[in-house]
Protein backbone atom coordinates (compact mmCIF):
# COMPACT_ATOMS: atom_id res chain seq x y z
CA MET A 1 123.16 64.28 112.65
CA THR A 2 120.86 66.65 115.93
CA ASN A 3 118.78 69.38 115.16
CA VAL A 4 117.62 71.70 118.44
CA SER A 5 113.87 70.13 117.46
CA GLN A 6 115.29 66.52 118.64
CA TRP A 7 116.34 67.61 122.18
CA ASN A 8 114.24 67.16 125.26
CA THR A 9 113.49 70.08 126.90
CA THR A 10 113.65 68.50 130.46
CA ASP A 11 117.64 68.79 131.11
CA GLY A 12 118.23 65.37 132.51
CA ASN A 13 116.55 63.55 129.52
CA ASN A 14 118.94 64.74 126.74
CA THR A 15 121.00 61.31 127.37
CA SER A 16 120.82 59.68 124.22
CA ALA A 17 124.55 58.42 122.97
CA ALA A 18 126.68 61.52 121.88
CA PRO A 19 126.72 63.48 119.69
CA GLY A 20 123.52 63.52 119.97
CA GLY A 21 122.94 63.44 123.71
CA ALA A 22 125.14 63.35 126.88
CA PRO A 23 124.68 60.22 128.98
CA GLU A 24 125.69 59.79 132.67
CA GLY A 25 129.39 58.79 132.30
CA MET A 26 130.12 59.60 128.54
CA LEU A 27 133.98 59.05 127.71
CA PRO A 28 136.36 62.52 127.63
CA SER A 29 136.94 61.88 124.19
CA ALA A 30 132.85 62.15 123.48
CA VAL A 31 132.85 65.69 125.07
CA ASN A 32 134.15 67.64 122.22
CA ASP A 33 132.05 65.93 119.66
CA THR A 34 128.65 66.52 121.70
CA MET A 35 129.43 70.34 121.71
CA ARG A 36 130.31 70.87 118.73
CA ALA A 37 126.89 69.18 117.77
CA MET A 38 124.98 71.12 120.16
CA PHE A 39 127.13 74.65 118.61
CA GLY A 40 126.15 73.26 115.34
CA ALA A 41 122.22 72.72 116.05
CA ILE A 42 122.29 75.82 117.63
CA ALA A 43 123.80 77.98 114.36
CA ARG A 44 121.65 75.66 111.85
CA TRP A 45 118.39 76.45 114.17
CA TYR A 46 119.70 80.53 113.72
CA GLU A 47 120.14 80.40 110.02
CA ASP A 48 116.65 78.72 109.86
CA VAL A 49 114.67 81.92 111.45
CA GLN A 50 117.01 84.60 109.81
CA GLY A 51 114.72 85.08 106.28
CA ASN A 52 117.22 84.04 104.64
CA LEU A 53 116.16 80.85 103.25
CA VAL A 54 114.85 81.02 99.55
CA THR A 55 111.75 78.50 98.17
CA ALA A 56 111.95 76.79 94.92
CA GLY A 57 109.26 74.81 92.89
CA SER A 58 106.47 76.79 91.31
CA ALA A 59 103.87 78.89 92.51
CA THR A 60 101.17 76.07 94.26
CA ALA A 61 104.03 73.87 94.99
CA TYR A 62 107.05 75.68 97.34
CA THR A 63 109.94 73.70 97.79
CA LEU A 64 112.72 74.67 100.75
CA ALA A 65 115.68 73.42 101.83
CA THR A 66 117.11 74.03 105.23
CA SER A 67 120.16 75.37 106.61
CA GLY A 68 121.41 71.78 107.74
CA ASN A 69 119.89 69.96 104.44
CA ALA A 70 123.17 69.85 102.15
CA GLY A 71 125.24 68.65 104.47
CA GLY A 72 123.20 65.72 105.96
CA ASN A 73 121.37 67.63 108.86
CA GLY A 74 118.01 68.38 107.04
CA HIS A 75 115.05 67.41 109.51
CA ALA A 76 114.12 64.18 109.06
CA ALA A 77 110.68 64.01 110.25
CA LEU A 78 107.73 66.82 109.41
CA ALA A 79 107.55 66.84 113.24
CA ASP A 80 110.60 68.30 113.69
CA ILE A 81 110.13 71.21 112.32
CA GLY A 82 109.73 73.88 114.42
CA LEU A 83 109.75 77.08 112.88
CA VAL A 84 111.60 78.34 109.71
CA CYS A 85 111.67 81.76 108.02
CA PHE A 86 111.76 81.87 104.31
CA ARG A 87 111.50 84.54 101.65
CA ALA A 88 108.84 83.32 98.31
CA HIS A 89 110.34 83.06 94.88
CA ALA A 90 107.17 83.51 93.74
CA ALA A 91 103.50 85.03 94.27
CA ASN A 92 101.15 82.05 94.83
CA THR A 93 98.47 81.25 92.73
CA GLY A 94 96.23 79.40 94.08
CA ALA A 95 94.18 78.82 97.29
CA ASP A 96 95.57 76.10 98.63
CA PRO A 97 99.40 76.07 97.71
CA THR A 98 101.92 72.99 99.42
CA LEU A 99 105.54 73.21 100.82
CA ALA A 100 108.16 70.66 101.12
CA VAL A 101 110.89 71.20 103.78
CA ASP A 102 114.18 69.11 103.11
CA GLY A 103 112.33 66.62 100.79
CA LEU A 104 110.03 65.20 103.32
CA THR A 105 106.04 65.11 102.22
CA ALA A 106 104.49 68.26 100.70
CA LYS A 107 101.75 69.75 102.56
CA THR A 108 99.27 72.61 102.55
CA ILE A 109 100.07 76.23 103.57
CA LYS A 110 97.02 77.72 105.67
CA LYS A 111 97.18 80.99 107.51
CA SER A 112 97.65 81.18 110.96
CA ASP A 113 94.34 80.44 111.91
CA GLY A 114 93.81 77.34 109.61
CA SER A 115 92.19 79.28 106.80
CA ALA A 116 92.88 78.93 103.05
CA LEU A 117 94.86 81.19 101.72
CA ALA A 118 93.83 83.67 98.96
CA ALA A 119 95.80 83.97 95.28
CA GLY A 120 99.06 86.39 96.35
CA ASP A 121 98.34 86.24 100.19
CA ILE A 122 102.74 84.97 99.31
CA ALA A 123 104.03 87.49 97.64
CA LEU A 124 107.01 87.56 95.34
CA ASN A 125 110.01 88.27 97.82
CA GLY A 126 107.94 88.46 100.91
CA VAL A 127 109.32 87.02 103.91
CA TYR A 128 107.09 84.60 106.30
CA PHE A 129 107.89 82.43 109.12
CA ALA A 130 106.15 79.01 109.02
CA THR A 131 105.70 75.70 111.34
CA PHE A 132 104.24 72.23 111.13
CA ASN A 133 101.19 71.78 112.83
CA VAL A 134 101.03 67.87 113.09
CA THR A 135 97.40 67.68 114.27
CA ASN A 136 95.96 69.12 110.98
CA ASP A 137 98.96 67.79 109.19
CA GLN A 138 99.73 71.37 107.07
CA PHE A 139 102.12 74.02 107.19
CA HIS A 140 100.67 77.45 109.03
CA ILE A 141 102.43 80.61 108.14
CA VAL A 142 102.22 84.16 109.09
CA VAL A 143 101.10 86.43 105.51
CA GLY A 144 100.78 90.20 106.33
CA GLY A 145 98.38 91.44 108.72
CA ASP A 146 97.34 87.98 109.73
CA SER A 147 98.71 88.56 113.39
CA GLY A 148 98.63 92.34 113.41
CA GLY A 149 101.06 92.86 110.74
CA SER A 150 102.27 96.04 109.00
CA MET A 151 99.43 98.32 107.49
CA ALA A 152 101.60 99.97 105.18
CA ALA A 153 101.11 102.04 101.98
CA GLU A 154 104.47 103.07 100.73
CA GLY A 155 103.95 105.10 97.54
CA ARG A 156 101.94 108.23 96.50
CA LEU A 157 99.80 109.14 93.69
CA THR A 158 101.23 111.13 90.98
CA LEU A 159 100.81 112.13 87.00
CA THR A 160 104.72 111.00 86.26
CA SER A 161 106.21 107.98 86.35
CA GLY A 162 108.88 107.45 88.54
CA VAL A 163 108.08 110.81 90.16
CA PRO A 164 106.26 110.30 93.29
CA VAL A 165 106.17 114.32 94.49
CA LEU A 166 105.65 116.59 91.24
CA THR A 167 107.39 120.01 91.36
CA SER A 168 106.91 121.50 88.22
CA ASP A 169 103.28 121.40 86.06
CA VAL A 170 101.73 118.62 84.30
CA THR A 171 99.21 119.12 82.17
CA ALA A 172 96.90 116.79 79.94
CA ALA A 173 97.85 113.92 81.86
CA THR A 174 96.25 110.34 80.83
CA THR A 175 97.61 108.27 83.15
CA VAL A 176 98.05 107.94 86.62
CA TYR A 177 100.65 106.24 88.77
CA TYR A 178 101.07 104.73 92.08
CA THR A 179 105.36 105.04 92.75
CA PRO A 180 107.16 104.17 95.81
CA TYR A 181 107.75 106.89 98.02
CA THR A 182 108.73 105.80 101.45
CA GLY A 183 109.13 101.91 101.00
CA ASP A 184 108.47 99.39 98.49
CA LYS A 185 105.33 97.72 100.82
CA ILE A 186 101.78 97.88 100.21
CA ALA A 187 99.45 95.73 102.86
CA LEU A 188 96.19 95.05 100.88
CA TYR A 189 93.18 92.95 102.65
CA ASP A 190 91.78 89.60 101.41
CA GLY A 191 88.07 90.45 102.02
CA SER A 192 87.64 88.05 105.19
CA SER A 193 89.83 88.11 107.84
CA ALA A 194 94.13 88.57 106.69
CA TRP A 195 96.17 91.59 105.21
CA ALA A 196 98.70 90.65 102.65
CA THR A 197 101.76 93.06 102.65
CA ILE A 198 103.31 92.96 99.14
CA ASP A 199 106.02 94.50 97.35
CA LEU A 200 104.96 97.80 95.27
CA ALA A 201 106.58 98.13 91.72
CA GLU A 202 104.91 101.38 90.30
CA THR A 203 101.62 100.86 89.09
CA SER A 204 99.85 102.62 86.42
CA LEU A 205 95.97 103.23 85.65
CA SER A 206 95.09 104.63 82.31
CA LEU A 207 92.08 107.72 82.32
CA SER A 208 91.06 106.98 78.93
CA GLY A 209 86.93 107.42 78.83
CA LEU A 210 86.84 109.30 82.62
CA ALA A 211 83.93 111.70 82.77
CA ALA A 212 84.97 115.50 82.13
CA ASP A 213 84.63 117.26 85.57
CA SER A 214 84.41 114.85 87.51
CA ASN A 215 85.72 113.42 90.78
CA PHE A 216 87.19 109.60 91.11
CA ASP A 217 88.44 107.57 93.66
CA ILE A 218 91.72 105.13 93.24
CA PHE A 219 91.69 102.14 94.51
CA GLY A 220 94.59 99.45 94.92
CA TYR A 221 93.97 95.44 95.28
CA ASN A 222 95.92 92.49 94.93
CA ASN A 223 95.76 91.08 91.83
CA SER A 224 97.68 87.62 92.39
CA GLY A 225 100.61 89.11 94.26
CA ALA A 226 100.71 92.54 91.98
CA LEU A 227 99.13 95.06 92.46
CA ALA A 228 96.68 96.82 90.80
CA LEU A 229 94.74 100.10 90.59
CA GLU A 230 90.93 100.68 89.86
CA SER A 231 89.07 104.26 89.71
CA LEU A 232 85.08 104.81 90.92
CA VAL A 233 83.23 108.38 89.92
CA TRP A 234 81.66 110.61 92.39
CA THR A 235 77.75 111.71 92.42
CA ASN A 236 79.22 115.09 92.04
CA ASP A 237 81.63 117.75 92.79
CA THR A 238 81.31 117.42 96.46
CA THR A 239 79.32 113.69 97.18
CA ARG A 240 81.17 109.97 96.56
CA ALA A 241 78.41 107.72 95.05
CA THR A 242 80.23 104.87 97.00
CA ALA A 243 81.02 105.75 100.81
CA LEU A 244 84.66 105.01 102.22
CA THR A 245 84.71 102.45 105.34
CA ARG A 246 87.27 101.51 107.54
CA GLN A 247 89.13 97.89 107.85
CA ASP A 248 91.16 97.76 110.98
CA GLY A 249 91.38 101.82 111.30
CA VAL A 250 92.40 101.06 107.04
CA LEU A 251 90.21 103.10 104.64
CA VAL A 252 88.94 100.98 101.84
CA LYS A 253 85.58 100.66 99.87
CA SER A 254 82.49 100.21 101.48
CA GLY A 255 81.06 96.68 100.31
CA ALA A 256 84.35 95.62 98.59
CA THR A 257 87.03 95.44 101.95
CA THR A 258 89.75 94.03 99.01
CA ARG A 259 89.95 97.86 97.62
CA ARG A 260 92.21 99.90 99.64
CA TYR A 261 91.77 103.93 99.13
CA LEU A 262 94.80 105.57 97.93
CA GLY A 263 93.71 109.01 96.74
CA THR A 264 91.25 111.15 94.60
CA ILE A 265 91.64 112.80 91.23
CA ARG A 266 89.79 115.43 89.41
CA THR A 267 89.56 115.69 85.52
CA THR A 268 89.89 118.69 83.74
CA SER A 269 87.05 119.73 80.88
CA THR A 270 88.78 117.12 78.38
CA THR A 271 87.38 113.34 78.71
CA GLY A 272 90.40 111.37 80.05
CA GLN A 273 92.73 113.75 81.39
CA THR A 274 93.68 115.35 84.50
CA GLN A 275 96.77 118.12 85.67
CA THR A 276 98.65 119.67 88.26
CA LYS A 277 99.39 123.46 87.89
CA PHE A 278 101.66 125.55 90.67
CA GLY A 279 100.50 128.50 89.26
CA GLY A 280 102.04 131.06 86.89
CA PHE A 281 102.10 135.03 86.28
CA ALA A 282 99.38 135.98 83.07
CA SER A 283 97.36 138.16 81.68
CA GLY A 284 93.68 137.34 84.30
CA GLY A 285 96.48 135.12 86.44
CA GLY A 286 98.20 131.44 85.67
CA GLU A 287 95.34 129.06 87.78
CA ALA A 288 96.64 126.76 89.85
CA TRP A 289 94.91 123.33 89.79
CA PHE A 290 95.81 120.14 91.55
CA GLY A 291 93.73 117.60 90.19
CA LEU A 292 95.13 114.84 92.52
CA TRP A 293 94.90 114.02 96.15
CA ASN A 294 96.56 111.49 97.83
CA ALA A 295 95.11 109.44 101.34
CA GLY A 296 98.68 108.60 102.59
CA ASN A 297 101.76 110.43 102.78
CA ARG A 298 100.70 113.48 102.03
CA VAL A 299 103.30 116.52 101.07
CA ALA A 300 102.67 120.57 101.33
CA VAL A 301 103.61 122.37 98.24
CA SER A 302 102.96 125.99 97.42
CA TYR A 303 101.35 127.85 94.74
CA GLN A 304 102.35 131.16 93.28
CA LEU A 305 100.04 132.97 90.68
CA GLY A 306 99.82 136.95 89.35
CA ASP A 307 98.12 139.07 87.07
CA THR A 308 100.40 140.51 84.27
CA ASP A 309 97.70 143.06 83.06
CA ASN A 310 98.56 146.64 84.11
CA SER A 311 95.44 147.87 85.15
CA TRP A 312 91.62 148.01 84.85
CA THR A 313 88.64 149.62 86.15
CA TYR A 314 85.52 148.51 88.47
CA SER A 315 82.60 150.47 89.78
CA GLY A 316 79.95 147.50 91.32
CA THR A 317 79.54 146.80 94.64
CA THR A 318 79.01 143.41 94.45
CA HIS A 319 82.21 141.29 94.63
CA ARG A 320 83.58 139.48 91.45
CA ALA A 321 86.79 137.99 90.23
CA SER A 322 89.87 139.60 90.28
CA ASN A 323 89.85 141.60 86.91
CA ASN A 324 86.53 139.51 86.21
CA SER A 325 89.04 136.44 85.21
CA SER A 326 88.10 133.05 85.84
CA THR A 327 91.95 132.14 86.19
CA MET A 328 92.94 134.41 89.12
CA ARG A 329 92.48 131.33 91.50
CA VAL A 330 93.46 128.32 92.99
CA SER A 331 91.51 124.76 92.48
CA CYS A 332 92.23 121.16 93.91
CA VAL A 333 90.48 117.92 94.96
CA ARG A 334 90.68 116.66 98.56
CA GLY A 335 89.30 113.22 99.56
CA LEU A 336 89.34 113.84 103.04
CA GLU A 337 88.95 116.91 105.04
CA VAL A 338 92.22 116.98 106.77
CA GLU A 339 95.05 119.32 106.37
CA PRO A 340 93.46 123.33 105.59
CA VAL A 341 94.29 124.96 102.46
CA THR A 342 95.99 128.62 102.48
CA SER A 343 95.67 131.62 100.60
CA ASN A 344 96.92 134.99 100.72
CA PHE A 345 95.53 137.58 98.23
CA ILE A 346 97.74 141.03 97.23
CA GLY A 347 96.18 143.39 95.29
CA SER A 348 96.80 147.50 94.87
CA VAL A 349 93.77 150.04 94.04
CA THR A 350 93.21 153.58 93.49
CA HIS A 351 90.60 155.29 95.36
CA THR A 352 88.75 157.85 93.78
CA ALA A 353 86.75 160.64 96.29
CA ASP A 354 83.54 158.82 95.92
CA ASN A 355 84.76 155.32 96.00
CA ALA A 356 86.97 153.18 97.47
CA GLY A 357 88.41 149.56 96.13
CA THR A 358 88.07 146.27 98.15
CA HIS A 359 89.75 143.00 97.61
CA ALA A 360 88.25 140.10 99.60
CA ILE A 361 88.80 135.89 98.93
CA GLY A 362 86.04 133.64 97.79
CA LEU A 363 85.33 130.05 98.33
CA ASP A 364 83.92 128.52 95.22
CA SER A 365 82.19 131.86 94.80
CA THR A 366 82.99 135.08 92.80
CA THR A 367 80.33 136.99 94.38
CA SER A 368 80.37 136.36 98.04
CA ALA A 369 83.65 137.17 100.16
CA GLU A 370 84.67 134.36 103.08
CA LEU A 371 84.27 136.04 106.24
CA GLY A 372 86.94 138.00 107.79
CA THR A 373 88.87 137.87 103.98
CA MET A 374 88.03 141.32 102.59
CA ALA A 375 90.16 144.56 103.11
CA LEU A 376 89.11 148.28 102.45
CA THR A 377 91.18 151.16 102.94
CA PHE A 378 89.15 155.05 103.09
CA SER A 379 91.23 157.91 101.43
CA THR A 380 91.48 161.00 99.48
CA ALA A 381 91.27 160.47 95.80
CA GLY A 382 94.36 159.53 94.06
CA ILE A 383 96.01 157.57 96.76
CA THR A 384 97.17 154.04 95.67
CA PHE A 385 96.85 151.29 98.02
CA GLN A 386 97.83 147.77 98.20
CA HIS A 387 95.64 144.86 100.45
CA THR A 388 96.37 141.84 102.02
CA CYS A 389 93.98 139.26 102.59
CA SER A 390 94.18 135.85 104.03
CA TYR A 391 92.19 132.73 104.16
CA THR A 392 93.15 129.19 106.41
CA GLY A 393 90.68 126.60 106.55
CA ASN A 394 89.11 123.29 105.34
CA VAL A 395 87.79 123.65 102.06
CA GLY A 396 85.70 120.95 102.05
CA LEU A 397 85.35 117.63 100.23
CA GLY A 398 85.88 116.72 97.12
CA PHE A 399 86.58 120.17 94.17
CA HIS A 400 86.77 123.41 95.28
CA TYR A 401 88.45 126.76 94.30
CA LEU A 402 89.68 130.09 96.20
CA SER A 403 89.51 133.29 94.50
CA GLY A 404 90.86 136.62 94.53
CA LEU A 405 87.91 139.29 94.49
CA GLU A 406 87.07 142.96 94.28
CA SER A 407 84.05 145.52 94.46
CA THR A 408 83.66 148.76 95.92
CA ASN A 409 82.31 150.61 98.63
CA THR A 410 79.86 152.91 97.38
CA GLY A 411 79.38 152.13 93.40
CA ALA A 412 79.95 155.65 92.29
CA SER A 413 82.93 156.30 90.64
CA ALA A 414 84.92 153.57 88.73
CA VAL A 415 88.10 152.87 91.00
CA THR A 416 91.34 151.48 89.35
CA PHE A 417 92.68 147.81 89.85
CA TYR A 418 96.05 146.81 89.15
CA GLY A 419 97.81 144.14 87.89
CA ASP A 420 101.73 144.64 87.86
CA ASN A 421 100.92 148.11 85.78
CA GLY A 422 104.46 147.38 84.07
CA SER A 423 106.10 147.59 87.55
CA PRO A 424 106.30 143.94 89.31
CA ALA A 425 108.60 145.50 91.93
CA LEU A 426 105.69 148.05 92.45
CA PHE A 427 102.57 147.00 92.05
CA SER A 428 101.12 143.47 92.97
CA ASN A 429 97.99 141.43 92.31
CA THR A 430 98.64 137.54 93.40
CA LEU A 431 97.60 134.68 94.80
CA THR A 432 100.00 132.14 96.81
CA GLY A 433 99.38 129.60 99.22
CA VAL A 434 100.01 126.37 100.41
CA VAL A 435 97.72 123.11 99.67
CA TRP A 436 98.06 118.96 100.89
CA TYR A 437 98.12 116.52 97.79
């Protein structure tokens, strides 16, 4: 039996009897045996570092058989174990699991810096490199993030199980899910020194009891090798009660770095419920409402809504919501101020001899127009105009809305504003745009 670990790094010192060595003046008949032994030893070493070995035993006492063990070429001593790569059959449930290789004495598994493992640092089906530290009489392994590993979070928050990107309305949702999207891994911090990359299976969080009309951050943490979720309410629509901080560049909860920030949700006026609506055409407009925002793997989605009422009149010089409706708007929650929100408002109006109608877009207001969004056209009485107003910008942190607005120039005679006027192909009162969530 020979293994790479038993060879000498000085060429001239590999003089053991064939086939474990190549002594000076060895018989020609022994050359082929020595070469075959070398081939076998190199092949076994190659197999042992490919990640194909799978542990057995328990979640506190792992066992591992290397590729040569069954054929009598296993490791004869702990000091012979150079480097092995294995896939864990179970997540560790304690801080001091052990590993026994090729039937040798079980030794405690530590991180590469010698510190203790936390429960779940070894993940189910996770792949790890291990080496035996002779000085400390223990195995050292590299766990996710222990030496600059991936900080991946490959899922998305969603309101429908198994559907990472919603394309249709989900209303009265009582559960939020974190489901795989770009992959099936997520890295979570142990709170002291290392990240563990664990397998990502869809995980859910009940919204039962969450206060109405409130923002909640959603955090993920390592629960014995599996992802678990928790929520934390904000102080108000735009202010977090607990700040976010960065651990190795990753957003986590301030004061609790084991909690990785995954995103933010907004509850509706009903306790324990949220929703995502892409907008619709209805009397007064079918509001678009995005109560979900992802910290990672965000996607851009479009919304479209319109007012199906024929027409209405208004003479005030103060802006108001289009058709005086609270649903001619898009509302969204944002956990960070990153990608902009876009909105395009198209409205139709017929002027009078002494008054002209205007259209605009308001941010968190139905009485004040955002700078540069107002459209006003002067003309003779009876002429109908179609105005287009546009907004692109960061609406701010937290929960916000953009609303279509209307007003008049002089406040004299009432002017006529239109929905679809019974002819959607000719008249339009719509709000369209893009949000990232």
